[in-house]
Protein backbone atom coordinates (compact mmCIF):
# COMPACT_ATOMS: atom_id res chain seq x y z
CA MET A 1 14.82 38.15 -41.07
CA ILE A 2 15.87 39.84 -37.81
CA GLY A 3 12.84 38.44 -35.99
CA ARG A 4 13.62 34.89 -37.04
CA LEU A 5 17.29 35.31 -36.17
CA LEU A 6 16.47 36.56 -32.67
CA GLU A 7 14.01 33.70 -32.17
CA ASN A 8 16.73 31.21 -33.09
CA LEU A 9 19.18 32.85 -30.69
CA GLU A 10 16.66 32.76 -27.86
CA SER A 11 15.88 29.11 -28.62
CA ALA A 12 19.62 28.40 -28.32
CA GLY A 13 19.64 29.95 -24.85
CA ILE A 14 21.19 33.31 -25.77
CA PRO A 15 19.73 35.97 -23.43
CA ILE A 16 18.08 38.85 -25.31
CA THR A 17 16.52 41.75 -23.42
CA GLY A 18 13.62 43.77 -24.75
CA ASP A 19 15.86 46.82 -25.23
CA VAL A 20 18.36 44.82 -27.29
CA SER A 21 15.61 43.27 -29.39
CA ALA A 22 14.04 46.66 -30.05
CA ALA A 23 17.39 48.16 -31.04
CA MET A 24 18.17 45.30 -33.45
CA HIS A 25 14.74 45.71 -35.05
CA SER A 26 15.37 49.46 -35.42
CA VAL A 27 18.90 49.38 -36.85
CA ASP A 28 19.38 47.99 -40.37
CA ILE A 29 22.62 46.00 -40.68
CA SER A 30 22.81 46.85 -44.41
CA ASP A 31 23.42 50.50 -43.50
CA PHE A 32 26.82 49.51 -42.08
CA THR A 33 28.28 47.35 -44.84
CA ASP A 34 28.28 47.20 -48.61
CA TYR A 35 28.83 43.43 -48.53
CA ASP A 36 26.06 40.86 -48.87
CA SER A 37 24.43 40.62 -45.42
CA GLU A 38 23.49 36.94 -45.85
CA PRO A 39 26.24 35.70 -43.45
CA PHE A 40 24.75 37.87 -40.70
CA TRP A 41 21.40 36.08 -40.96
CA HIS A 42 23.28 32.80 -40.54
CA ASP A 43 24.80 34.10 -37.29
CA ARG A 44 28.22 34.83 -38.74
CA PRO A 45 30.55 37.84 -38.67
CA LEU A 46 30.01 40.24 -41.55
CA VAL A 47 32.85 42.03 -43.33
CA PHE A 48 32.46 45.79 -43.50
CA LEU A 49 35.91 46.90 -44.69
CA GLU A 50 38.96 45.54 -46.49
CA THR A 51 42.21 47.47 -46.87
CA ILE A 52 44.36 47.50 -49.99
CA ARG A 53 46.98 45.49 -48.05
CA GLY A 54 44.55 42.70 -47.24
CA GLY A 55 43.37 43.74 -43.79
CA ILE A 56 39.80 42.76 -42.90
CA LYS A 57 37.41 44.02 -40.24
CA THR A 58 34.03 42.53 -39.47
CA ILE A 59 30.84 43.25 -37.60
CA SER A 60 30.53 40.55 -34.95
CA ALA A 61 28.19 37.60 -35.35
CA PRO A 62 24.72 38.31 -33.93
CA HIS A 63 25.04 35.84 -31.04
CA MET A 64 28.14 37.68 -29.80
CA ILE A 65 26.57 41.10 -30.31
CA VAL A 66 23.56 40.26 -28.14
CA THR A 67 25.80 38.51 -25.61
CA MET A 68 28.03 41.57 -25.21
CA LEU A 69 25.05 43.90 -24.99
CA HIS A 70 23.44 41.66 -22.38
CA HIS A 71 26.53 41.71 -20.18
CA LEU A 72 26.90 45.50 -20.55
CA GLU A 73 23.60 45.96 -18.65
CA LEU A 74 22.80 49.14 -20.54
CA SER A 75 20.16 51.66 -19.51
CA GLN A 76 18.94 55.11 -20.48
CA GLY A 77 21.34 58.03 -20.02
CA GLN A 78 24.60 56.09 -19.64
CA LYS A 79 27.97 57.17 -21.03
CA VAL A 80 29.47 54.36 -23.08
CA LEU A 81 32.90 54.03 -24.69
CA ILE A 82 33.46 51.57 -27.53
CA LEU A 83 37.10 50.70 -28.21
CA GLY A 84 37.18 49.31 -31.76
CA ALA A 85 34.65 50.68 -34.21
CA LYS A 86 33.01 47.51 -35.65
CA GLY A 87 31.59 49.36 -38.64
CA GLY A 88 29.33 51.52 -36.46
CA TYR A 89 26.59 48.89 -36.10
CA ILE A 90 27.13 48.16 -32.40
CA ALA A 91 27.46 51.89 -31.68
CA ALA A 92 24.07 52.46 -33.32
CA LEU A 93 22.50 49.69 -31.24
CA ILE A 94 23.95 51.09 -28.00
CA ALA A 95 22.84 54.63 -28.92
CA HIS A 96 19.27 53.39 -29.28
CA ILE A 97 19.41 51.68 -25.90
CA VAL A 98 20.96 54.55 -23.88
CA GLY A 99 18.73 57.04 -25.69
CA PRO A 100 19.24 60.74 -26.56
CA GLU A 101 20.15 61.46 -22.93
CA GLY A 102 23.04 59.00 -23.10
CA GLU A 103 26.39 59.38 -24.82
CA VAL A 104 28.33 56.98 -27.04
CA VAL A 105 31.95 57.56 -28.01
CA VAL A 106 33.70 55.27 -30.48
CA VAL A 107 37.52 55.26 -30.68
CA ASP A 108 39.67 53.39 -33.17
CA PRO A 109 43.35 53.52 -34.22
CA SER A 110 42.61 53.40 -37.96
CA ARG A 111 41.88 56.59 -39.87
CA GLU A 112 40.25 54.53 -42.63
CA VAL A 113 37.90 52.84 -40.15
CA VAL A 114 37.09 56.10 -38.35
CA ASP A 115 36.16 57.86 -41.61
CA TYR A 116 34.04 54.88 -42.63
CA VAL A 117 32.13 54.77 -39.34
CA ARG A 118 31.55 58.53 -39.22
CA GLU A 119 29.81 58.32 -42.57
CA ARG A 120 27.72 55.28 -41.63
CA ILE A 121 26.67 56.55 -38.20
CA ALA A 122 25.75 60.06 -39.37
CA SER A 123 21.99 59.46 -39.46
CA VAL A 124 21.99 58.06 -35.92
CA ALA A 125 24.07 61.01 -34.70
CA THR A 126 21.33 63.44 -35.75
CA THR A 127 19.10 62.21 -32.90
CA HIS A 128 21.56 60.64 -30.46
CA SER A 129 24.90 61.70 -28.99
CA VAL A 130 27.38 59.56 -30.95
CA ARG A 131 30.96 60.64 -31.59
CA VAL A 132 33.70 58.81 -33.46
CA ARG A 133 37.31 59.66 -32.72
CA LYS A 134 40.68 58.44 -33.95
CA MET A 135 43.22 57.37 -31.34
CA GLN A 136 46.97 57.06 -31.84
CA ALA A 137 47.22 53.62 -30.26
CA THR A 138 45.25 51.45 -27.85
CA ASN A 139 47.68 52.31 -25.03
CA ARG A 140 47.32 56.08 -25.60
CA CYS A 141 44.26 57.87 -24.23
CA PRO A 142 42.20 59.73 -26.87
CA PRO A 143 41.45 63.38 -26.03
CA HIS A 144 38.17 64.72 -24.65
CA LEU A 145 36.55 61.50 -23.49
CA PRO A 146 33.40 61.66 -21.39
CA GLU A 147 34.22 61.08 -17.74
CA PRO A 148 33.44 59.11 -15.72
CA LEU A 149 32.52 56.21 -18.00
CA ASP A 150 29.59 53.99 -17.03
CA ARG A 151 30.31 51.24 -19.53
CA VAL A 152 33.17 50.27 -21.84
CA LEU A 153 32.97 47.71 -24.64
CA VAL A 154 36.19 46.50 -26.23
CA THR A 155 35.54 44.84 -29.58
CA GLY A 156 39.00 43.45 -30.36
CA ALA A 157 41.55 41.29 -28.56
CA LEU A 158 43.80 43.02 -26.01
CA PRO A 159 46.37 41.49 -23.63
CA SER A 160 44.93 43.67 -20.84
CA LEU A 161 42.74 46.72 -20.34
CA PRO A 162 44.65 49.99 -20.91
CA SER A 163 45.38 51.87 -17.69
CA TRP A 164 43.95 55.12 -19.12
CA LEU A 165 40.63 53.36 -19.55
CA GLU A 166 40.52 52.03 -15.99
CA ARG A 167 41.29 55.47 -14.58
CA ARG A 168 38.18 56.91 -16.22
CA MET A 169 35.76 54.22 -15.09
CA ALA A 170 32.90 55.33 -12.86
CA ASP A 171 32.47 53.71 -9.46
CA GLY A 172 30.18 50.79 -10.20
CA GLY A 173 31.03 50.96 -13.89
CA PHE A 174 32.63 48.15 -15.82
CA ALA A 175 34.20 47.05 -19.08
CA VAL A 176 33.46 43.97 -21.18
CA ALA A 177 36.50 42.93 -23.20
CA PRO A 178 38.16 39.93 -24.89
CA ILE A 179 41.43 39.62 -22.96
CA GLY A 180 44.23 37.38 -24.24
CA GLY A 181 46.40 36.70 -27.27
CA GLN A 182 45.81 36.20 -30.97
CA VAL A 183 43.85 32.94 -30.86
CA ALA A 184 42.90 32.48 -27.20
CA GLN A 185 40.96 35.06 -25.21
CA ARG A 186 38.49 35.15 -22.35
CA LEU A 187 35.56 37.52 -22.44
CA VAL A 188 35.97 39.37 -19.15
CA LYS A 189 33.68 41.73 -17.27
CA ARG A 190 35.95 44.01 -15.18
CA GLU A 191 34.02 46.07 -12.62
CA ARG A 192 35.19 48.95 -10.44
CA GLN A 193 33.93 49.19 -6.86
CA SER A 194 35.61 52.12 -5.08
CA ASP A 195 39.34 51.40 -5.41
CA ASN A 196 38.86 47.68 -6.05
CA TRP A 197 38.41 45.76 -9.29
CA PHE A 198 36.44 42.55 -9.72
CA ASP A 199 36.68 40.29 -12.76
CA THR A 200 34.01 37.90 -14.04
CA ASP A 201 35.04 35.34 -16.66
CA LEU A 202 32.29 35.14 -19.31
CA GLY A 203 33.88 32.36 -21.39
CA GLY A 204 36.31 31.65 -24.20
CA VAL A 205 36.15 33.76 -27.37
CA LEU A 206 38.16 34.40 -30.51
CA PHE A 207 38.32 38.04 -31.60
CA GLY A 208 40.56 39.72 -34.12
CA PRO A 209 42.74 42.69 -33.14
CA VAL A 210 41.34 46.17 -32.51
CA ASP A 211 43.48 47.77 -35.24
CA ILE A 212 42.65 46.71 -38.81
CA SER A 213 46.33 47.11 -39.78
CA ASP A 214 47.13 44.19 -37.47
CA THR A 215 45.01 41.92 -39.68
CA GLU A 216 47.13 42.63 -42.77
CA PRO A 217 49.22 39.60 -43.75
CA GLU A 218 52.89 39.79 -42.76
CA PRO A 219 55.78 37.33 -42.74
CA LEU A 220 55.80 35.38 -39.49
CA ASP A 221 58.74 36.12 -37.19
CA THR A 222 60.04 33.79 -34.49
CA ALA A 223 58.26 35.73 -31.73
CA GLY A 224 54.99 35.29 -33.61
CA ILE A 225 55.52 31.52 -33.90
CA ALA A 226 56.31 31.35 -30.19
CA GLU A 227 53.12 33.25 -29.35
CA LEU A 228 51.02 30.92 -31.50
CA LEU A 229 52.52 27.88 -29.76
CA ARG A 230 51.72 29.35 -26.34
CA GLU A 231 48.16 30.02 -27.38
CA CYS A 232 47.84 26.46 -28.69
CA VAL A 233 48.80 25.32 -25.20
CA VAL A 234 46.02 27.47 -23.72
CA LEU A 235 43.43 26.16 -26.17
CA GLY A 236 44.68 22.60 -25.74
CA ASP A 237 44.32 22.88 -21.98
CA GLU A 238 40.71 23.98 -22.34
CA MET A 239 39.95 20.82 -24.31
CA ASN A 240 42.32 18.45 -22.46
CA LEU A 241 44.25 17.67 -25.65
CA PHE A 242 47.79 17.57 -24.26
CA ASP A 243 49.39 15.72 -21.39
CA GLN A 244 51.76 17.52 -19.03
CA ASP A 245 54.86 16.38 -20.92
CA THR A 246 53.57 17.74 -24.26
CA ARG A 247 52.49 21.03 -22.66
CA SER A 248 55.95 21.44 -21.18
CA LYS A 249 57.67 20.65 -24.48
CA LEU A 250 55.52 23.15 -26.39
CA SER A 251 56.14 25.85 -23.76
CA ASN A 252 59.88 25.18 -23.79
CA LEU A 253 59.96 25.33 -27.60
CA ALA A 254 58.15 28.68 -27.49
CA LYS A 255 60.72 29.99 -25.01
CA SER A 256 63.59 28.78 -27.23
CA LEU A 257 62.05 30.62 -30.20
CA ASP A 258 61.73 33.78 -28.08
CA ASP A 259 65.41 33.53 -27.17
CA LEU A 260 66.56 33.65 -30.81
CA PRO A 261 68.13 36.96 -31.94
CA SER A 262 65.52 39.57 -32.79
CA ASP A 263 67.15 40.51 -36.12
CA ILE A 264 66.57 37.11 -37.75
CA PRO A 265 64.58 37.49 -41.01
CA PRO A 266 60.93 36.38 -41.01
CA LEU A 267 60.11 32.78 -41.73
CA VAL A 268 58.73 32.12 -45.23
CA LEU A 269 56.98 28.79 -45.77
CA ASP A 270 56.03 28.75 -49.46
CA GLY A 271 53.33 31.35 -48.85
CA ALA A 272 51.80 29.52 -45.86
CA TYR A 273 52.68 29.51 -42.20
CA PHE A 274 50.82 26.40 -41.08
CA GLU A 275 50.13 23.42 -43.30
CA ASP A 276 49.00 19.84 -42.72
CA GLU A 277 52.66 18.86 -42.99
CA PRO A 278 55.18 20.22 -40.47
CA PRO A 279 57.40 23.07 -41.71
CA TRP A 280 60.53 20.97 -42.09
CA VAL A 281 59.01 19.15 -45.09
CA LEU A 282 58.42 22.46 -46.88
CA ASP A 283 60.89 24.42 -48.97
CA SER A 284 61.69 26.97 -46.24
CA ASP A 285 65.39 27.82 -46.50
CA ASN A 286 65.78 31.58 -46.71
CA LEU A 287 69.14 32.43 -45.10
CA ASP A 288 71.69 32.11 -47.90
CA GLY A 289 71.00 28.41 -48.28
CA ASP A 290 71.08 27.67 -44.53
CA MET A 291 68.04 26.41 -42.68
CA HIS A 292 66.16 29.11 -40.81
CA PRO A 293 67.08 28.97 -37.07
CA ALA A 294 63.41 28.59 -36.11
CA LEU A 295 63.10 25.52 -38.32
CA ASP A 296 66.40 24.26 -36.95
CA LEU A 297 64.90 24.37 -33.45
CA MET A 298 61.76 22.58 -34.55
CA MET A 299 63.76 19.96 -36.44
CA ALA A 300 65.49 19.10 -33.17
CA GLU A 301 62.04 18.40 -31.64
CA MET A 302 60.78 16.39 -34.61
CA SER A 303 60.44 13.12 -32.69
CA TRP A 304 57.44 14.43 -30.72
CA LEU A 305 56.41 17.58 -32.61
CA VAL A 306 55.46 15.69 -35.77
CA GLU A 307 52.85 13.78 -33.77
CA VAL A 308 51.12 16.85 -32.35
CA TRP A 309 51.44 19.07 -35.44
CA PRO A 310 47.98 18.12 -36.84
CA ILE A 311 46.47 19.11 -33.48
CA LEU A 312 48.24 22.48 -33.58
CA VAL A 313 46.93 23.09 -37.11
CA ALA A 314 43.39 22.22 -36.00
CA LEU A 315 43.63 24.56 -33.01
CA LEU A 316 44.68 27.44 -35.25
CA ASP A 317 41.79 26.72 -37.62
CA VAL A 318 39.08 26.75 -34.97
CA GLN A 319 35.64 25.68 -36.15
CA LEU A 320 32.93 27.83 -34.64
CA ILE A 321 29.37 27.30 -33.54
CA HIS A 322 26.64 29.69 -34.64
CA PRO A 323 23.62 29.32 -32.34
CA GLY A 324 21.50 31.66 -34.45
CA GLU A 325 22.12 29.68 -37.65
CA LEU A 326 19.03 29.51 -39.86
CA GLU A 327 17.90 26.08 -40.93
CA SER A 328 19.92 24.79 -43.87
CA ASP A 329 20.02 21.75 -46.13
CA GLU A 330 23.80 21.89 -46.29
CA ASP A 331 26.06 19.32 -44.64
CA GLU A 332 25.76 19.69 -40.87
CA GLU A 333 29.53 19.19 -40.49
CA ARG A 334 30.11 22.81 -41.47
CA PHE A 335 28.38 23.81 -38.23
CA GLY A 336 29.40 23.02 -34.66
CA GLY A 337 32.91 23.13 -33.30
CA TYR A 338 34.46 24.53 -30.19
CA GLY A 339 31.93 27.24 -29.46
CA ARG A 340 34.24 30.24 -29.67
CA HIS A 341 33.19 33.49 -31.29
CA SER A 342 35.28 34.67 -34.21
CA ASP A 343 35.59 38.31 -35.11
CA LEU A 344 38.35 37.67 -37.59
CA VAL A 345 37.11 34.94 -39.95
CA PRO A 346 34.78 36.42 -42.61
């Protein structure tokens, strides 16, 4: 199965080095999840852990795994930090590439994820230097990291690289990370040369958050709605979906939502936050019979917002391409889309 998958990826133009191919042939994906691995062979993310509160973490789709490994430019003996555990699968691949002389450290904010990965990576750690460590938060440096770091791989969305990480980067070293918001990120290669930093944009991606707790469903507050609107503007710009007037109106609406008092209760929309119909047609009153202030703001923009709402819904339900997809007799419409990688959708 892995041979056929890699052939499909190469046929789709995904670069795969000999080291990456050898590692993927050596590491069995089923050792890192108890879920059916069939989605992986169809070039899709594979769930490895679900929390009791509904949080989900996945192992990235194969096309994104080989893409990240390609851009990391790994070699024997390097010290590599992985921020975001990914079930241990990517750590095992990197350990095979950097060899016993190299060092791989995995850090993650979730105790549940860390315990899971330590168990799954144990056999690899008998022959390679692989350590898994819990961190308090992504903006807090974990203790006893190898230094300097040759390579850093971030496997979840971050607004920017943490300063503690940049300080520990070797001269000539670099990080590969999805930088952006919840639904719009750019995969960025950030390289250190002396005291200077150089960024290379590797394309648009869609990753889930680093911390599994951030994937657990929560009521949507006004700041969250504002952030989603801003990210819709970013995605819409990439596909030329909005004219300047609509972009300005969406940005202004997001700012108005941000300016609402922070102690307003979350918005409840009959169990759903985005539907085919705009929120003002849903039963959404939850402030002692008064309309929620966020809906009040959107009601005032109904004349134009109702026309673009279906586009916003589509942008937040991004269809993804899977270049390593095995041949299938199913309807081709389920494939294709905008070409972003999803680390969040099972």
